[in-house]
Structure formats: structure tokens, C-alpha cells
Amino acid sequence: MRKLRTIEMHRMTVEQFKESRKMPLVVVLDDVRSMYNVGSVFRSSDAFRVEAVYLCGITGRPPHAEIHKTALGAEDSVDWKYFATAQEAVEVLHHDGYFVYSIEQVEGSTKLQDLQLDGERKYAVIFGNEVKGVHQNVVDMSDGCLEIPQFGTKHSLNVSVTAGIVVWEFARKQL
């Protein structure tokens, strides 16, 4: 086997990405502190053609050198919006017809592997702060909660790792 060179991968340009059909999924970051995590989420969102990323509260916004370091330009291809609070973002998403999931460990959460998607529906997924997770009032506004099962000693994954896993699962189930 030979590794492909970048030019052999025939990736689309930013302009082609902007014009391309997107997965009907919005990623929401609720008070994510690390600019590197924000950049990584942009990169994963680009990889799976997520519709948009909503940045809320203290979550950093482009342009920013630390976001760019991990996003590698994905902050330019993926559409994004800023909201003062994640509650405002959820209100807009509900108004626009999205089914909103918080990614959080709660009573009665749906395990990610059990996720069932309706091909006619648009979705949003909310990822929370690295320490406190998704705010409880945002969880209360959500239509449901998804949880990634874990089997080790830690109770959580890095937010950007979690986003990559969740976005991939949505992409996999919609392909």
C-alpha cells in the first residue's frame, strides 16, 4: 500500500464546499474554553460536511490563531454563527425545525449506538464545557440527550473527541 499524496485525494475547494450539499446537522458548542477544541470541531465538521457550527457564550470565534492551528482552514469552509448563550441558539434551532440533542450523561439518555434518525428531520447536537458539560437549562430545552457509553475509569471524553464520534455516527446513519 502507498499513502496518497494530498493532490491525489481530489479534495474540494472552500468555494465548492460552500456550494455542496450538507448533512442536515448543526453542531453547537456551549461555553467550550479551549480554542484548540473549537478548531478541532471545525475540522471534523468540515470532514463530514456539517451544515454549521454555532458558537455560544465564552466559546472562542474565528479568526483566532489557536482555532486555526487545529482547524487548518476549516473555520473558513464551515458556516458558523455566534450566540451569547446556548439557550438562544436552541430557541433559533427549534424555530427553524431542528430536533435538538444535548450530548450529556443524564437519566434516560439514548446510547449513541441506539440513535434512530428520521431522514426527513434536521438535527442539532450540543457539546458542553470541558469541565461542566452542557448547562442544565440547555439540557432542559433539548428534545433528547445522547450519551457515548464508556467502560474505563474516566467519566468523560475530550469534547473534540466526543464531537468527532457523534458527528461520524450521524454521518454514518445518514449515508
C-alpha atoms as a PDB file:
ATOM      1  CA  MET A   1       0.000   0.000   0.000  1.00  0.00           C
ATOM      2  CA  ARG A   2       1.128   3.504  -0.801  1.00  0.00           C
ATOM      3  CA  LYS A   3      -0.027   6.600   1.055  1.00  0.00           C
ATOM      4  CA  LEU A   4      -1.879   9.035  -1.148  1.00  0.00           C
ATOM      5  CA  ARG A   5      -0.479  12.494  -1.646  1.00  0.00           C
ATOM      6  CA  THR A   6      -2.794  15.389  -0.872  1.00  0.00           C
ATOM      7  CA  ILE A   7      -3.215  16.236  -4.548  1.00  0.00           C
ATOM      8  CA  GLU A   8      -4.364  12.667  -5.264  1.00  0.00           C
ATOM      9  CA  MET A   9      -7.258  12.972  -2.806  1.00  0.00           C
ATOM     10  CA  HIS A  10      -9.122  15.458  -5.015  1.00  0.00           C
ATOM     11  CA  ARG A  11     -10.475  17.483  -2.103  1.00  0.00           C
ATOM     12  CA  MET A  12     -12.930  20.254  -2.876  1.00  0.00           C
ATOM     13  CA  THR A  13     -12.087  23.914  -2.620  1.00  0.00           C
ATOM     14  CA  VAL A  14     -13.650  26.169   0.003  1.00  0.00           C
ATOM     15  CA  GLU A  15     -15.919  27.542  -2.725  1.00  0.00           C
ATOM     16  CA  GLN A  16     -17.000  24.033  -3.757  1.00  0.00           C
ATOM     17  CA  PHE A  17     -17.591  23.151  -0.101  1.00  0.00           C
ATOM     18  CA  LYS A  18     -19.797  26.220   0.372  1.00  0.00           C
ATOM     19  CA  GLU A  19     -21.904  25.156  -2.639  1.00  0.00           C
ATOM     20  CA  SER A  20     -22.049  21.446  -1.745  1.00  0.00           C
ATOM     21  CA  ARG A  21     -24.949  19.590  -0.165  1.00  0.00           C
ATOM     22  CA  LYS A  22     -24.530  19.440   3.610  1.00  0.00           C
ATOM     23  CA  MET A  23     -25.545  16.917   6.215  1.00  0.00           C
ATOM     24  CA  PRO A  24     -28.657  18.351   7.968  1.00  0.00           C
ATOM     25  CA  LEU A  25     -26.777  18.729  11.252  1.00  0.00           C
ATOM     26  CA  VAL A  26     -25.758  21.781  13.271  1.00  0.00           C
ATOM     27  CA  VAL A  27     -23.044  21.443  15.908  1.00  0.00           C
ATOM     28  CA  VAL A  28     -23.447  23.725  18.946  1.00  0.00           C
ATOM     29  CA  LEU A  29     -20.579  24.478  21.343  1.00  0.00           C
ATOM     30  CA  ASP A  30     -21.807  25.624  24.771  1.00  0.00           C
ATOM     31  CA  ASP A  31     -19.047  27.547  26.630  1.00  0.00           C
ATOM     32  CA  VAL A  32     -16.132  25.496  25.242  1.00  0.00           C
ATOM     33  CA  ARG A  33     -12.965  27.075  26.675  1.00  0.00           C
ATOM     34  CA  SER A  34     -10.174  25.644  24.550  1.00  0.00           C
ATOM     35  CA  MET A  35      -9.577  27.248  21.174  1.00  0.00           C
ATOM     36  CA  TYR A  36      -7.860  24.006  20.131  1.00  0.00           C
ATOM     37  CA  ASN A  37     -11.066  22.084  20.846  1.00  0.00           C
ATOM     38  CA  VAL A  38     -13.049  24.634  18.839  1.00  0.00           C
ATOM     39  CA  GLY A  39     -10.647  24.272  15.904  1.00  0.00           C
ATOM     40  CA  SER A  40     -10.814  20.503  16.072  1.00  0.00           C
ATOM     41  CA  VAL A  41     -14.624  20.607  15.980  1.00  0.00           C
ATOM     42  CA  PHE A  42     -14.468  22.819  12.896  1.00  0.00           C
ATOM     43  CA  ARG A  43     -12.145  20.307  11.229  1.00  0.00           C
ATOM     44  CA  SER A  44     -14.433  17.356  11.986  1.00  0.00           C
ATOM     45  CA  SER A  45     -17.432  19.399  10.842  1.00  0.00           C
ATOM     46  CA  ASP A  46     -15.682  20.074   7.533  1.00  0.00           C
ATOM     47  CA  ALA A  47     -14.774  16.398   7.102  1.00  0.00           C
ATOM     48  CA  PHE A  48     -18.428  15.337   7.312  1.00  0.00           C
ATOM     49  CA  ARG A  49     -19.960  18.441   5.660  1.00  0.00           C
ATOM     50  CA  VAL A  50     -21.883  19.622   8.694  1.00  0.00           C
ATOM     51  CA  GLU A  51     -24.313  22.418   7.892  1.00  0.00           C
ATOM     52  CA  ALA A  52     -22.977  24.863  10.508  1.00  0.00           C
ATOM     53  CA  VAL A  53     -21.282  25.306  13.857  1.00  0.00           C
ATOM     54  CA  TYR A  54     -22.931  27.543  16.465  1.00  0.00           C
ATOM     55  CA  LEU A  55     -20.509  29.064  18.957  1.00  0.00           C
ATOM     56  CA  CYS A  56     -22.085  30.106  22.254  1.00  0.00           C
ATOM     57  CA  GLY A  57     -21.077  32.051  25.340  1.00  0.00           C
ATOM     58  CA  ILE A  58     -17.338  32.046  26.082  1.00  0.00           C
ATOM     59  CA  THR A  59     -16.584  29.766  23.130  1.00  0.00           C
ATOM     60  CA  GLY A  60     -13.886  31.384  21.001  1.00  0.00           C
ATOM     61  CA  ARG A  61     -14.624  32.594  17.491  1.00  0.00           C
ATOM     62  CA  PRO A  62     -12.581  32.860  14.317  1.00  0.00           C
ATOM     63  CA  PRO A  63     -10.353  34.411  13.339  1.00  0.00           C
ATOM     64  CA  HIS A  64      -8.033  33.148  16.064  1.00  0.00           C
ATOM     65  CA  ALA A  65      -4.554  31.617  15.738  1.00  0.00           C
ATOM     66  CA  GLU A  66      -5.263  28.730  18.142  1.00  0.00           C
ATOM     67  CA  ILE A  67      -8.510  27.824  16.354  1.00  0.00           C
ATOM     68  CA  HIS A  68      -6.713  27.928  13.003  1.00  0.00           C
ATOM     69  CA  LYS A  69      -3.891  25.707  14.317  1.00  0.00           C
ATOM     70  CA  THR A  70      -6.254  22.727  14.685  1.00  0.00           C
ATOM     71  CA  ALA A  71      -8.945  23.697  12.174  1.00  0.00           C
ATOM     72  CA  LEU A  72      -6.381  24.073   9.363  1.00  0.00           C
ATOM     73  CA  GLY A  73      -8.734  26.363   7.454  1.00  0.00           C
ATOM     74  CA  ALA A  74     -11.990  24.542   8.227  1.00  0.00           C
ATOM     75  CA  GLU A  75     -13.107  27.680  10.068  1.00  0.00           C
ATOM     76  CA  ASP A  76     -13.300  29.248   6.607  1.00  0.00           C
ATOM     77  CA  SER A  77     -15.228  26.438   4.925  1.00  0.00           C
ATOM     78  CA  VAL A  78     -17.816  25.619   7.611  1.00  0.00           C
ATOM     79  CA  ASP A  79     -20.503  28.246   8.215  1.00  0.00           C
ATOM     80  CA  TRP A  80     -20.729  29.461  11.794  1.00  0.00           C
ATOM     81  CA  LYS A  81     -22.771  31.796  13.942  1.00  0.00           C
ATOM     82  CA  TYR A  82     -22.261  33.238  17.399  1.00  0.00           C
ATOM     83  CA  PHE A  83     -24.896  33.377  20.151  1.00  0.00           C
ATOM     84  CA  ALA A  84     -24.489  34.998  23.561  1.00  0.00           C
ATOM     85  CA  THR A  85     -25.979  31.853  25.142  1.00  0.00           C
ATOM     86  CA  ALA A  86     -26.693  28.312  24.062  1.00  0.00           C
ATOM     87  CA  GLN A  87     -30.322  28.888  25.104  1.00  0.00           C
ATOM     88  CA  GLU A  88     -30.630  31.498  22.351  1.00  0.00           C
ATOM     89  CA  ALA A  89     -29.154  29.028  19.854  1.00  0.00           C
ATOM     90  CA  VAL A  90     -31.631  26.316  20.899  1.00  0.00           C
ATOM     91  CA  GLU A  91     -34.547  28.735  20.529  1.00  0.00           C
ATOM     92  CA  VAL A  92     -33.433  29.565  16.977  1.00  0.00           C
ATOM     93  CA  LEU A  93     -32.884  25.889  16.145  1.00  0.00           C
ATOM     94  CA  HIS A  94     -36.343  24.912  17.419  1.00  0.00           C
ATOM     95  CA  HIS A  95     -37.890  27.800  15.492  1.00  0.00           C
ATOM     96  CA  ASP A  96     -36.103  26.534  12.362  1.00  0.00           C
ATOM     97  CA  GLY A  97     -37.435  22.995  12.859  1.00  0.00           C
ATOM     98  CA  TYR A  98     -34.402  21.197  14.270  1.00  0.00           C
ATOM     99  CA  PHE A  99     -34.574  18.292  16.692  1.00  0.00           C
ATOM    100  CA  VAL A 100     -32.008  19.176  19.367  1.00  0.00           C
ATOM    101  CA  TYR A 101     -29.884  16.657  21.271  1.00  0.00           C
ATOM    102  CA  SER A 102     -27.583  17.553  24.139  1.00  0.00           C
ATOM    103  CA  ILE A 103     -24.583  15.258  24.385  1.00  0.00           C
ATOM    104  CA  GLU A 104     -24.648  14.587  28.088  1.00  0.00           C
ATOM    105  CA  GLN A 105     -24.908  11.865  30.692  1.00  0.00           C
ATOM    106  CA  VAL A 106     -28.433  12.156  32.071  1.00  0.00           C
ATOM    107  CA  GLU A 107     -31.184   9.922  33.371  1.00  0.00           C
ATOM    108  CA  GLY A 108     -32.874   8.316  30.384  1.00  0.00           C
ATOM    109  CA  SER A 109     -30.261   9.304  27.804  1.00  0.00           C
ATOM    110  CA  THR A 110     -30.120   7.448  24.497  1.00  0.00           C
ATOM    111  CA  LYS A 111     -26.925   5.486  23.962  1.00  0.00           C
ATOM    112  CA  LEU A 112     -25.272   6.693  20.761  1.00  0.00           C
ATOM    113  CA  GLN A 113     -25.367   3.241  19.167  1.00  0.00           C
ATOM    114  CA  ASP A 114     -29.162   3.195  19.671  1.00  0.00           C
ATOM    115  CA  LEU A 115     -29.722   6.504  17.868  1.00  0.00           C
ATOM    116  CA  GLN A 116     -32.514   6.323  15.288  1.00  0.00           C
ATOM    117  CA  LEU A 117     -32.670   9.114  12.717  1.00  0.00           C
ATOM    118  CA  ASP A 118     -35.638  10.291  10.686  1.00  0.00           C
ATOM    119  CA  GLY A 119     -34.468  11.039   7.138  1.00  0.00           C
ATOM    120  CA  GLU A 120     -36.935  13.928   6.910  1.00  0.00           C
ATOM    121  CA  ARG A 121     -35.687  15.698  10.045  1.00  0.00           C
ATOM    122  CA  LYS A 122     -32.899  18.220  10.698  1.00  0.00           C
ATOM    123  CA  TYR A 123     -30.783  17.752  13.821  1.00  0.00           C
ATOM    124  CA  ALA A 124     -28.565  19.733  16.151  1.00  0.00           C
ATOM    125  CA  VAL A 125     -26.131  18.387  18.728  1.00  0.00           C
ATOM    126  CA  ILE A 126     -24.892  20.412  21.696  1.00  0.00           C
ATOM    127  CA  PHE A 127     -21.474  19.846  23.246  1.00  0.00           C
ATOM    128  CA  GLY A 128     -20.647  21.445  26.581  1.00  0.00           C
ATOM    129  CA  ASN A 129     -17.850  22.982  28.542  1.00  0.00           C
ATOM    130  CA  GLU A 130     -14.795  20.808  29.178  1.00  0.00           C
ATOM    131  CA  VAL A 131     -15.441  20.724  32.943  1.00  0.00           C
ATOM    132  CA  LYS A 132     -19.159  21.384  33.490  1.00  0.00           C
ATOM    133  CA  GLY A 133     -20.638  19.901  30.332  1.00  0.00           C
ATOM    134  CA  VAL A 134     -23.856  21.207  28.797  1.00  0.00           C
ATOM    135  CA  HIS A 135     -25.667  23.679  31.064  1.00  0.00           C
ATOM    136  CA  GLN A 136     -28.680  22.115  32.808  1.00  0.00           C
ATOM    137  CA  ASN A 137     -31.064  24.753  31.425  1.00  0.00           C
ATOM    138  CA  VAL A 138     -29.887  23.838  27.904  1.00  0.00           C
ATOM    139  CA  VAL A 139     -30.384  20.128  28.655  1.00  0.00           C
ATOM    140  CA  ASP A 140     -33.914  21.041  29.826  1.00  0.00           C
ATOM    141  CA  MET A 141     -34.614  22.770  26.487  1.00  0.00           C
ATOM    142  CA  SER A 142     -33.320  19.841  24.441  1.00  0.00           C
ATOM    143  CA  ASP A 143     -35.541  17.278  22.750  1.00  0.00           C
ATOM    144  CA  GLY A 144     -33.310  14.462  23.971  1.00  0.00           C
ATOM    145  CA  CYS A 145     -29.845  13.553  25.206  1.00  0.00           C
ATOM    146  CA  LEU A 146     -27.269  11.255  23.655  1.00  0.00           C
ATOM    147  CA  GLU A 147     -24.521   9.507  25.567  1.00  0.00           C
ATOM    148  CA  ILE A 148     -21.411   7.671  24.396  1.00  0.00           C
ATOM    149  CA  PRO A 149     -21.003   4.517  26.519  1.00  0.00           C
ATOM    150  CA  GLN A 150     -17.651   4.377  28.312  1.00  0.00           C
ATOM    151  CA  PHE A 151     -16.042   1.473  30.096  1.00  0.00           C
ATOM    152  CA  GLY A 152     -12.913   2.819  31.819  1.00  0.00           C
ATOM    153  CA  THR A 153     -12.259   4.827  34.946  1.00  0.00           C
ATOM    154  CA  LYS A 154     -12.969   8.258  33.450  1.00  0.00           C
ATOM    155  CA  HIS A 155     -16.495   9.599  33.149  1.00  0.00           C
ATOM    156  CA  SER A 156     -15.972  11.708  30.033  1.00  0.00           C
ATOM    157  CA  LEU A 157     -14.072  12.149  26.787  1.00  0.00           C
ATOM    158  CA  ASN A 158     -12.440  15.301  25.453  1.00  0.00           C
ATOM    159  CA  VAL A 159     -15.134  17.488  23.871  1.00  0.00           C
ATOM    160  CA  SER A 160     -13.489  17.478  20.442  1.00  0.00           C
ATOM    161  CA  VAL A 161     -13.121  13.684  20.516  1.00  0.00           C
ATOM    162  CA  THR A 162     -16.768  13.388  21.536  1.00  0.00           C
ATOM    163  CA  ALA A 163     -17.802  15.695  18.693  1.00  0.00           C
ATOM    164  CA  GLY A 164     -15.870  13.625  16.164  1.00  0.00           C
ATOM    165  CA  ILE A 165     -17.521  10.406  17.341  1.00  0.00           C
ATOM    166  CA  VAL A 166     -21.035  11.880  17.416  1.00  0.00           C
ATOM    167  CA  VAL A 167     -20.756  13.659  14.064  1.00  0.00           C
ATOM    168  CA  TRP A 168     -19.405  10.465  12.481  1.00  0.00           C
ATOM    169  CA  GLU A 169     -22.354   8.496  13.870  1.00  0.00           C
ATOM    170  CA  PHE A 170     -24.807  10.985  12.349  1.00  0.00           C
ATOM    171  CA  ALA A 171     -22.939  10.806   9.023  1.00  0.00           C
ATOM    172  CA  ARG A 172     -22.828   7.006   9.111  1.00  0.00           C
ATOM    173  CA  LYS A 173     -26.548   6.719   9.764  1.00  0.00           C
ATOM    174  CA  GLN A 174     -27.431   9.214   7.049  1.00  0.00           C
ATOM    175  CA  LEU A 175     -25.244   7.742   4.275  1.00  0.00           C
END
